[in-house]
Amino acid sequence: MKRELVGRKVIVTGAARGIGEQVARLAAAQGARVALIGLEPARLRALAAELGPSAHWCEADVRDSAALRSAIDEGANVMNGVDMVVANAGVAAYGTV
């Protein structure tokens, strides 16, 4: 399914590098506003600056529910809502599968 992203408000976790970074770049290039959430503030800040005024960043660890909620709320407030969430950040649990 292909969605039009112009004007959409997208939150991306794990946005500092890898798949999350590329998803944020593609979404912004297609006209979306993006809220970048991750653990590396310097990389998030640089990416947001590169993407321009349509991007906002916030440092948060997805394993910390209060920090994650705060970051999502901040992104939603800055963008005036949320249309999509890309829950890209990985969390590894140690043990059997």
PDB file of N, CA and C in Angstrom:
ATOM      1  N   MET A   1       0.845  -1.171   0.000  1.00  0.00           N
ATOM      2  CA  MET A   1       0.000   0.000   0.000  1.00  0.00           C
ATOM      3  C   MET A   1       0.895   1.239   0.000  1.00  0.00           C
ATOM      4  N   LYS A   2       0.601   2.177  -0.859  1.00  0.00           N
ATOM      5  CA  LYS A   2       1.380   3.406  -0.936  1.00  0.00           C
ATOM      6  C   LYS A   2       0.538   4.545  -0.375  1.00  0.00           C
ATOM      7  N   ARG A   3       1.149   5.310   0.538  1.00  0.00           N
ATOM      8  CA  ARG A   3       0.446   6.432   1.166  1.00  0.00           C
ATOM      9  C   ARG A   3       1.071   7.734   0.736  1.00  0.00           C
ATOM     10  N   GLU A   4       0.259   8.744   0.591  1.00  0.00           N
ATOM     11  CA  GLU A   4       0.727  10.099   0.344  1.00  0.00           C
ATOM     12  C   GLU A   4       1.245  10.649   1.670  1.00  0.00           C
ATOM     13  N   LEU A   5       2.465  11.180   1.691  1.00  0.00           N
ATOM     14  CA  LEU A   5       3.041  11.660   2.943  1.00  0.00           C
ATOM     15  C   LEU A   5       3.053  13.181   3.075  1.00  0.00           C
ATOM     16  N   VAL A   6       2.710  13.895   2.025  1.00  0.00           N
ATOM     17  CA  VAL A   6       2.718  15.352   2.101  1.00  0.00           C
ATOM     18  C   VAL A   6       1.792  15.811   3.223  1.00  0.00           C
ATOM     19  N   GLY A   7       2.369  16.549   4.173  1.00  0.00           N
ATOM     20  CA  GLY A   7       1.585  17.078   5.289  1.00  0.00           C
ATOM     21  C   GLY A   7       1.325  16.101   6.425  1.00  0.00           C
ATOM     22  N   ARG A   8       1.707  14.853   6.251  1.00  0.00           N
ATOM     23  CA  ARG A   8       1.519  13.860   7.324  1.00  0.00           C
ATOM     24  C   ARG A   8       2.515  14.121   8.449  1.00  0.00           C
ATOM     25  N   LYS A   9       2.156  13.695   9.649  1.00  0.00           N
ATOM     26  CA  LYS A   9       3.001  13.866  10.837  1.00  0.00           C
ATOM     27  C   LYS A   9       3.446  12.484  11.293  1.00  0.00           C
ATOM     28  N   VAL A  10       4.757  12.252  11.221  1.00  0.00           N
ATOM     29  CA  VAL A  10       5.308  10.917  11.433  1.00  0.00           C
ATOM     30  C   VAL A  10       6.302  10.932  12.593  1.00  0.00           C
ATOM     31  N   ILE A  11       6.122  10.015  13.533  1.00  0.00           N
ATOM     32  CA  ILE A  11       7.090   9.811  14.614  1.00  0.00           C
ATOM     33  C   ILE A  11       7.918   8.580  14.271  1.00  0.00           C
ATOM     34  N   VAL A  12       9.247   8.715  14.385  1.00  0.00           N
ATOM     35  CA  VAL A  12      10.150   7.601  14.097  1.00  0.00           C
ATOM     36  C   VAL A  12      11.025   7.359  15.314  1.00  0.00           C
ATOM     37  N   THR A  13      10.953   6.164  15.892  1.00  0.00           N
ATOM     38  CA  THR A  13      11.865   5.809  16.974  1.00  0.00           C
ATOM     39  C   THR A  13      13.099   5.150  16.374  1.00  0.00           C
ATOM     40  N   GLY A  14      14.205   5.227  17.090  1.00  0.00           N
ATOM     41  CA  GLY A  14      15.452   4.688  16.568  1.00  0.00           C
ATOM     42  C   GLY A  14      15.912   5.476  15.349  1.00  0.00           C
ATOM     43  N   ALA A  15      15.659   6.788  15.369  1.00  0.00           N
ATOM     44  CA  ALA A  15      15.882   7.632  14.193  1.00  0.00           C
ATOM     45  C   ALA A  15      17.313   8.130  14.044  1.00  0.00           C
ATOM     46  N   ALA A  16      18.193   7.832  14.968  1.00  0.00           N
ATOM     47  CA  ALA A  16      19.549   8.366  14.921  1.00  0.00           C
ATOM     48  C   ALA A  16      20.410   7.725  13.837  1.00  0.00           C
ATOM     49  N   ARG A  17      20.074   6.508  13.436  1.00  0.00           N
ATOM     50  CA  ARG A  17      20.905   5.823  12.439  1.00  0.00           C
ATOM     51  C   ARG A  17      20.132   4.653  11.835  1.00  0.00           C
ATOM     52  N   GLY A  18      20.710   4.058  10.831  1.00  0.00           N
ATOM     53  CA  GLY A  18      20.160   2.843  10.239  1.00  0.00           C
ATOM     54  C   GLY A  18      18.801   3.024   9.592  1.00  0.00           C
ATOM     55  N   ILE A  19      17.949   2.034   9.782  1.00  0.00           N
ATOM     56  CA  ILE A  19      16.624   2.038   9.160  1.00  0.00           C
ATOM     57  C   ILE A  19      15.808   3.242   9.605  1.00  0.00           C
ATOM     58  N   GLY A  20      15.837   3.567  10.893  1.00  0.00           N
ATOM     59  CA  GLY A  20      15.073   4.709  11.388  1.00  0.00           C
ATOM     60  C   GLY A  20      15.490   6.012  10.729  1.00  0.00           C
ATOM     61  N   GLU A  21      16.794   6.214  10.595  1.00  0.00           N
ATOM     62  CA  GLU A  21      17.296   7.424   9.929  1.00  0.00           C
ATOM     63  C   GLU A  21      16.808   7.481   8.488  1.00  0.00           C
ATOM     64  N   GLN A  22      16.903   6.362   7.781  1.00  0.00           N
ATOM     65  CA  GLN A  22      16.490   6.344   6.379  1.00  0.00           C
ATOM     66  C   GLN A  22      14.983   6.538   6.226  1.00  0.00           C
ATOM     67  N   VAL A  23      14.197   5.950   7.118  1.00  0.00           N
ATOM     68  CA  VAL A  23      12.746   6.165   7.087  1.00  0.00           C
ATOM     69  C   VAL A  23      12.435   7.648   7.281  1.00  0.00           C
ATOM     70  N   ALA A  24      13.112   8.277   8.245  1.00  0.00           N
ATOM     71  CA  ALA A  24      12.894   9.705   8.492  1.00  0.00           C
ATOM     72  C   ALA A  24      13.284  10.530   7.271  1.00  0.00           C
ATOM     73  N   ARG A  25      14.409  10.206   6.652  1.00  0.00           N
ATOM     74  CA  ARG A  25      14.844  10.933   5.450  1.00  0.00           C
ATOM     75  C   ARG A  25      13.825  10.795   4.321  1.00  0.00           C
ATOM     76  N   LEU A  26      13.369   9.574   4.087  1.00  0.00           N
ATOM     77  CA  LEU A  26      12.399   9.340   3.011  1.00  0.00           C
ATOM     78  C   LEU A  26      11.074  10.043   3.288  1.00  0.00           C
ATOM     79  N   ALA A  27      10.607   9.961   4.526  1.00  0.00           N
ATOM     80  CA  ALA A  27       9.339  10.614   4.876  1.00  0.00           C
ATOM     81  C   ALA A  27       9.441  12.124   4.683  1.00  0.00           C
ATOM     82  N   ALA A  28      10.528  12.721   5.157  1.00  0.00           N
ATOM     83  CA  ALA A  28      10.718  14.164   5.009  1.00  0.00           C
ATOM     84  C   ALA A  28      10.825  14.548   3.533  1.00  0.00           C
ATOM     85  N   ALA A  29      11.539  13.737   2.753  1.00  0.00           N
ATOM     86  CA  ALA A  29      11.696  14.014   1.327  1.00  0.00           C
ATOM     87  C   ALA A  29      10.360  13.957   0.593  1.00  0.00           C
ATOM     88  N   GLN A  30       9.425  13.184   1.132  1.00  0.00           N
ATOM     89  CA  GLN A  30       8.101  13.068   0.524  1.00  0.00           C
ATOM     90  C   GLN A  30       7.104  14.049   1.121  1.00  0.00           C
ATOM     91  N   GLY A  31       7.602  14.989   1.930  1.00  0.00           N
ATOM     92  CA  GLY A  31       6.747  16.063   2.422  1.00  0.00           C
ATOM     93  C   GLY A  31       6.153  15.882   3.798  1.00  0.00           C
ATOM     94  N   ALA A  32       6.580  14.875   4.538  1.00  0.00           N
ATOM     95  CA  ALA A  32       6.062  14.657   5.897  1.00  0.00           C
ATOM     96  C   ALA A  32       6.803  15.526   6.896  1.00  0.00           C
ATOM     97  N   ARG A  33       6.133  15.842   7.979  1.00  0.00           N
ATOM     98  CA  ARG A  33       6.795  16.402   9.162  1.00  0.00           C
ATOM     99  C   ARG A  33       7.226  15.205   9.989  1.00  0.00           C
ATOM    100  N   VAL A  34       8.420  15.246  10.555  1.00  0.00           N
ATOM    101  CA  VAL A  34       8.925  14.090  11.288  1.00  0.00           C
ATOM    102  C   VAL A  34       9.396  14.474  12.685  1.00  0.00           C
ATOM    103  N   ALA A  35       9.086  13.614  13.646  1.00  0.00           N
ATOM    104  CA  ALA A  35       9.609  13.722  15.004  1.00  0.00           C
ATOM    105  C   ALA A  35      10.569  12.555  15.180  1.00  0.00           C
ATOM    106  N   LEU A  36      11.820  12.888  15.425  1.00  0.00           N
ATOM    107  CA  LEU A  36      12.887  11.902  15.540  1.00  0.00           C
ATOM    108  C   LEU A  36      13.124  11.580  17.010  1.00  0.00           C
ATOM    109  N   ILE A  37      13.041  10.316  17.369  1.00  0.00           N
ATOM    110  CA  ILE A  37      13.257   9.892  18.752  1.00  0.00           C
ATOM    111  C   ILE A  37      14.366   8.857  18.760  1.00  0.00           C
ATOM    112  N   GLY A  38      15.304   9.008  19.708  1.00  0.00           N
ATOM    113  CA  GLY A  38      16.395   8.056  19.805  1.00  0.00           C
ATOM    114  C   GLY A  38      17.298   8.360  20.978  1.00  0.00           C
ATOM    115  N   LEU A  39      18.422   7.655  21.007  1.00  0.00           N
ATOM    116  CA  LEU A  39      19.343   7.733  22.135  1.00  0.00           C
ATOM    117  C   LEU A  39      20.573   8.599  21.890  1.00  0.00           C
ATOM    118  N   GLU A  40      20.762   9.089  20.695  1.00  0.00           N
ATOM    119  CA  GLU A  40      21.980   9.819  20.350  1.00  0.00           C
ATOM    120  C   GLU A  40      21.640  11.266  19.986  1.00  0.00           C
ATOM    121  N   PRO A  41      21.637  12.161  20.979  1.00  0.00           N
ATOM    122  CA  PRO A  41      21.195  13.533  20.720  1.00  0.00           C
ATOM    123  C   PRO A  41      21.998  14.265  19.654  1.00  0.00           C
ATOM    124  N   ALA A  42      23.293  14.053  19.584  1.00  0.00           N
ATOM    125  CA  ALA A  42      24.091  14.753  18.573  1.00  0.00           C
ATOM    126  C   ALA A  42      23.679  14.331  17.165  1.00  0.00           C
ATOM    127  N   ARG A  43      23.483  13.048  16.970  1.00  0.00           N
ATOM    128  CA  ARG A  43      23.056  12.552  15.645  1.00  0.00           C
ATOM    129  C   ARG A  43      21.630  13.000  15.329  1.00  0.00           C
ATOM    130  N   LEU A  44      20.734  12.953  16.306  1.00  0.00           N
ATOM    131  CA  LEU A  44      19.352  13.396  16.077  1.00  0.00           C
ATOM    132  C   LEU A  44      19.312  14.882  15.731  1.00  0.00           C
ATOM    133  N   ARG A  45      20.073  15.673  16.471  1.00  0.00           N
ATOM    134  CA  ARG A  45      20.140  17.121  16.228  1.00  0.00           C
ATOM    135  C   ARG A  45      20.653  17.406  14.820  1.00  0.00           C
ATOM    136  N   ALA A  46      21.711  16.719  14.416  1.00  0.00           N
ATOM    137  CA  ALA A  46      22.287  16.911  13.086  1.00  0.00           C
ATOM    138  C   ALA A  46      21.309  16.500  11.988  1.00  0.00           C
ATOM    139  N   LEU A  47      20.629  15.383  12.185  1.00  0.00           N
ATOM    140  CA  LEU A  47      19.653  14.920  11.196  1.00  0.00           C
ATOM    141  C   LEU A  47      18.497  15.905  11.088  1.00  0.00           C
ATOM    142  N   ALA A  48      17.989  16.363  12.224  1.00  0.00           N
ATOM    143  CA  ALA A  48      16.891  17.339  12.204  1.00  0.00           C
ATOM    144  C   ALA A  48      17.319  18.619  11.494  1.00  0.00           C
ATOM    145  N   ALA A  49      18.533  19.063  11.746  1.00  0.00           N
ATOM    146  CA  ALA A  49      19.032  20.273  11.080  1.00  0.00           C
ATOM    147  C   ALA A  49      19.116  20.054   9.573  1.00  0.00           C
ATOM    148  N   GLU A  50      19.567  18.878   9.180  1.00  0.00           N
ATOM    149  CA  GLU A  50      19.675  18.554   7.753  1.00  0.00           C
ATOM    150  C   GLU A  50      18.306  18.478   7.088  1.00  0.00           C
ATOM    151  N   LEU A  51      17.327  17.926   7.801  1.00  0.00           N
ATOM    152  CA  LEU A  51      15.984  17.778   7.228  1.00  0.00           C
ATOM    153  C   LEU A  51      15.215  19.093   7.198  1.00  0.00           C
ATOM    154  N   GLY A  52      15.624  20.038   8.033  1.00  0.00           N
ATOM    155  CA  GLY A  52      15.009  21.361   7.989  1.00  0.00           C
ATOM    156  C   GLY A  52      13.864  21.539   8.973  1.00  0.00           C
ATOM    157  N   PRO A  53      13.076  22.587   8.760  1.00  0.00           N
ATOM    158  CA  PRO A  53      12.044  22.958   9.735  1.00  0.00           C
ATOM    159  C   PRO A  53      10.900  21.947   9.889  1.00  0.00           C
ATOM    160  N   SER A  54      10.850  20.966   9.001  1.00  0.00           N
ATOM    161  CA  SER A  54       9.799  19.947   9.129  1.00  0.00           C
ATOM    162  C   SER A  54      10.182  18.849  10.111  1.00  0.00           C
ATOM    163  N   ALA A  55      11.385  18.957  10.714  1.00  0.00           N
ATOM    164  CA  ALA A  55      11.864  17.900  11.615  1.00  0.00           C
ATOM    165  C   ALA A  55      12.068  18.426  13.028  1.00  0.00           C
ATOM    166  N   HIS A  56      11.748  17.581  13.983  1.00  0.00           N
ATOM    167  CA  HIS A  56      11.922  17.865  15.406  1.00  0.00           C
ATOM    168  C   HIS A  56      12.569  16.622  16.010  1.00  0.00           C
ATOM    169  N   TRP A  57      13.417  16.808  17.013  1.00  0.00           N
ATOM    170  CA  TRP A  57      14.048  15.643  17.630  1.00  0.00           C
ATOM    171  C   TRP A  57      13.893  15.681  19.145  1.00  0.00           C
ATOM    172  N   CYS A  58      13.978  14.496  19.742  1.00  0.00           N
ATOM    173  CA  CYS A  58      13.903  14.370  21.196  1.00  0.00           C
ATOM    174  C   CYS A  58      14.642  13.094  21.595  1.00  0.00           C
ATOM    175  N   GLU A  59      15.481  13.210  22.614  1.00  0.00           N
ATOM    176  CA  GLU A  59      16.195  12.041  23.120  1.00  0.00           C
ATOM    177  C   GLU A  59      15.275  11.250  24.051  1.00  0.00           C
ATOM    178  N   ALA A  60      15.187   9.953  23.827  1.00  0.00           N
ATOM    179  CA  ALA A  60      14.415   9.076  24.712  1.00  0.00           C
ATOM    180  C   ALA A  60      14.816   7.632  24.468  1.00  0.00           C
ATOM    181  N   ASP A  61      14.763   6.848  25.517  1.00  0.00           N
ATOM    182  CA  ASP A  61      15.015   5.414  25.469  1.00  0.00           C
ATOM    183  C   ASP A  61      13.657   4.722  25.453  1.00  0.00           C
ATOM    184  N   VAL A  62      13.385   3.916  24.434  1.00  0.00           N
ATOM    185  CA  VAL A  62      12.073   3.268  24.324  1.00  0.00           C
ATOM    186  C   VAL A  62      11.806   2.289  25.461  1.00  0.00           C
ATOM    187  N   ARG A  63      12.847   1.901  26.197  1.00  0.00           N
ATOM    188  CA  ARG A  63      12.650   1.008  27.347  1.00  0.00           C
ATOM    189  C   ARG A  63      12.151   1.756  28.567  1.00  0.00           C
ATOM    190  N   ASP A  64      12.195   3.082  28.529  1.00  0.00           N
ATOM    191  CA  ASP A  64      11.734   3.939  29.625  1.00  0.00           C
ATOM    192  C   ASP A  64      10.383   4.519  29.211  1.00  0.00           C
ATOM    193  N   SER A  65       9.310   3.919  29.687  1.00  0.00           N
ATOM    194  CA  SER A  65       7.979   4.302  29.213  1.00  0.00           C
ATOM    195  C   SER A  65       7.648   5.770  29.475  1.00  0.00           C
ATOM    196  N   ALA A  66       8.083   6.315  30.608  1.00  0.00           N
ATOM    197  CA  ALA A  66       7.810   7.729  30.899  1.00  0.00           C
ATOM    198  C   ALA A  66       8.562   8.633  29.930  1.00  0.00           C
ATOM    199  N   ALA A  67       9.827   8.319  29.655  1.00  0.00           N
ATOM    200  CA  ALA A  67      10.610   9.120  28.711  1.00  0.00           C
ATOM    201  C   ALA A  67      10.046   9.014  27.300  1.00  0.00           C
ATOM    202  N   LEU A  68       9.640   7.807  26.906  1.00  0.00           N
ATOM    203  CA  LEU A  68       9.068   7.611  25.579  1.00  0.00           C
ATOM    204  C   LEU A  68       7.756   8.370  25.439  1.00  0.00           C
ATOM    205  N   ARG A  69       6.912   8.264  26.441  1.00  0.00           N
ATOM    206  CA  ARG A  69       5.635   8.987  26.403  1.00  0.00           C
ATOM    207  C   ARG A  69       5.872  10.489  26.293  1.00  0.00           C
ATOM    208  N   SER A  70       6.814  11.006  27.075  1.00  0.00           N
ATOM    209  CA  SER A  70       7.133  12.427  27.033  1.00  0.00           C
ATOM    210  C   SER A  70       7.622  12.846  25.649  1.00  0.00           C
ATOM    211  N   ALA A  71       8.494  12.039  25.034  1.00  0.00           N
ATOM    212  CA  ALA A  71       9.017  12.353  23.706  1.00  0.00           C
ATOM    213  C   ALA A  71       7.911  12.327  22.650  1.00  0.00           C
ATOM    214  N   ILE A  72       7.032  11.343  22.735  1.00  0.00           N
ATOM    215  CA  ILE A  72       5.918  11.261  21.788  1.00  0.00           C
ATOM    216  C   ILE A  72       4.974  12.440  21.980  1.00  0.00           C
ATOM    217  N   ASP A  73       4.665  12.760  23.226  1.00  0.00           N
ATOM    218  CA  ASP A  73       3.808  13.916  23.498  1.00  0.00           C
ATOM    219  C   ASP A  73       4.428  15.199  22.961  1.00  0.00           C
ATOM    220  N   GLU A  74       5.737  15.364  23.169  1.00  0.00           N
ATOM    221  CA  GLU A  74       6.433  16.558  22.673  1.00  0.00           C
ATOM    222  C   GLU A  74       6.359  16.635  21.153  1.00  0.00           C
ATOM    223  N   GLY A  75       6.635  15.513  20.492  1.00  0.00           N
ATOM    224  CA  GLY A  75       6.548  15.480  19.034  1.00  0.00           C
ATOM    225  C   GLY A  75       5.148  15.790  18.540  1.00  0.00           C
ATOM    226  N   ALA A  76       4.154  15.211  19.196  1.00  0.00           N
ATOM    227  CA  ALA A  76       2.756  15.465  18.805  1.00  0.00           C
ATOM    228  C   ALA A  76       2.392  16.928  19.003  1.00  0.00           C
ATOM    229  N   ASN A  77       2.867  17.530  20.085  1.00  0.00           N
ATOM    230  CA  ASN A  77       2.581  18.945  20.323  1.00  0.00           C
ATOM    231  C   ASN A  77       3.235  19.832  19.276  1.00  0.00           C
ATOM    232  N   VAL A  78       4.500  19.557  18.965  1.00  0.00           N
ATOM    233  CA  VAL A  78       5.224  20.358  17.981  1.00  0.00           C
ATOM    234  C   VAL A  78       4.586  20.236  16.596  1.00  0.00           C
ATOM    235  N   MET A  79       4.163  19.017  16.246  1.00  0.00           N
ATOM    236  CA  MET A  79       3.588  18.786  14.914  1.00  0.00           C
ATOM    237  C   MET A  79       2.084  19.004  14.872  1.00  0.00           C
ATOM    238  N   ASN A  80       1.474  19.265  16.028  1.00  0.00           N
ATOM    239  CA  ASN A  80       0.024  19.416  16.116  1.00  0.00           C
ATOM    240  C   ASN A  80      -0.695  18.128  15.723  1.00  0.00           C
ATOM    241  N   GLY A  81      -0.218  17.014  16.285  1.00  0.00           N
ATOM    242  CA  GLY A  81      -0.858  15.726  16.047  1.00  0.00           C
ATOM    243  C   GLY A  81       0.126  14.702  15.520  1.00  0.00           C
ATOM    244  N   VAL A  82      -0.366  13.483  15.341  1.00  0.00           N
ATOM    245  CA  VAL A  82       0.433  12.372  14.809  1.00  0.00           C
ATOM    246  C   VAL A  82      -0.456  11.578  13.868  1.00  0.00           C
ATOM    247  N   ASP A  83       0.060  11.302  12.677  1.00  0.00           N
ATOM    248  CA  ASP A  83      -0.662  10.453  11.724  1.00  0.00           C
ATOM    249  C   ASP A  83      -0.114   9.039  11.689  1.00  0.00           C
ATOM    250  N   MET A  84       1.204   8.905  11.873  1.00  0.00           N
ATOM    251  CA  MET A  84       1.851   7.597  11.784  1.00  0.00           C
ATOM    252  C   MET A  84       2.984   7.488  12.792  1.00  0.00           C
ATOM    253  N   VAL A  85       3.235   6.264  13.225  1.00  0.00           N
ATOM    254  CA  VAL A  85       4.383   5.975  14.081  1.00  0.00           C
ATOM    255  C   VAL A  85       5.157   4.825  13.447  1.00  0.00           C
ATOM    256  N   VAL A  86       6.464   5.023  13.310  1.00  0.00           N
ATOM    257  CA  VAL A  86       7.342   3.947  12.861  1.00  0.00           C
ATOM    258  C   VAL A  86       8.141   3.528  14.091  1.00  0.00           C
ATOM    259  N   ALA A  87       7.712   2.423  14.696  1.00  0.00           N
ATOM    260  CA  ALA A  87       8.336   1.925  15.924  1.00  0.00           C
ATOM    261  C   ALA A  87       9.543   1.080  15.528  1.00  0.00           C
ATOM    262  N   ASN A  88      10.611   1.761  15.157  1.00  0.00           N
ATOM    263  CA  ASN A  88      11.791   1.105  14.622  1.00  0.00           C
ATOM    264  C   ASN A  88      12.807   0.703  15.689  1.00  0.00           C
ATOM    265  N   ALA A  89      12.840   1.404  16.807  1.00  0.00           N
ATOM    266  CA  ALA A  89      13.866   1.143  17.818  1.00  0.00           C
ATOM    267  C   ALA A  89      13.778  -0.302  18.298  1.00  0.00           C
ATOM    268  N   GLY A  90      14.923  -0.939  18.372  1.00  0.00           N
ATOM    269  CA  GLY A  90      14.957  -2.332  18.788  1.00  0.00           C
ATOM    270  C   GLY A  90      15.259  -2.458  20.265  1.00  0.00           C
ATOM    271  N   VAL A  91      14.664  -3.426  20.882  1.00  0.00           N
ATOM    272  CA  VAL A  91      14.916  -3.742  22.289  1.00  0.00           C
ATOM    273  C   VAL A  91      15.234  -5.228  22.349  1.00  0.00           C
ATOM    274  N   ALA A  92      16.381  -5.570  22.884  1.00  0.00           N
ATOM    275  CA  ALA A  92      16.781  -6.968  22.961  1.00  0.00           C
ATOM    276  C   ALA A  92      16.488  -7.511  24.362  1.00  0.00           C
ATOM    277  N   ALA A  93      15.804  -8.632  24.392  1.00  0.00           N
ATOM    278  CA  ALA A  93      15.559  -9.320  25.660  1.00  0.00           C
ATOM    279  C   ALA A  93      16.487 -10.533  25.686  1.00  0.00           C
ATOM    280  N   TYR A  94      17.132 -10.717  26.792  1.00  0.00           N
ATOM    281  CA  TYR A  94      18.045 -11.845  26.905  1.00  0.00           C
ATOM    282  C   TYR A  94      17.269 -13.055  27.417  1.00  0.00           C
ATOM    283  N   GLY A  95      17.476 -14.177  26.770  1.00  0.00           N
ATOM    284  CA  GLY A  95      16.796 -15.389  27.173  1.00  0.00           C
ATOM    285  C   GLY A  95      16.450 -16.219  25.945  1.00  0.00           C
ATOM    286  N   THR A  96      15.566 -17.155  26.107  1.00  0.00           N
ATOM    287  CA  THR A  96      15.190 -18.021  24.997  1.00  0.00           C
ATOM    288  C   THR A  96      14.153 -17.333  24.123  1.00  0.00           C
ATOM    289  N   VAL A  97      14.085 -17.810  22.907  1.00  0.00           N
ATOM    290  CA  VAL A  97      13.110 -17.248  21.963  1.00  0.00           C
ATOM    291  C   VAL A  97      11.855 -18.087  22.002  1.00  0.00           C
TER     292      VAL A  97
END
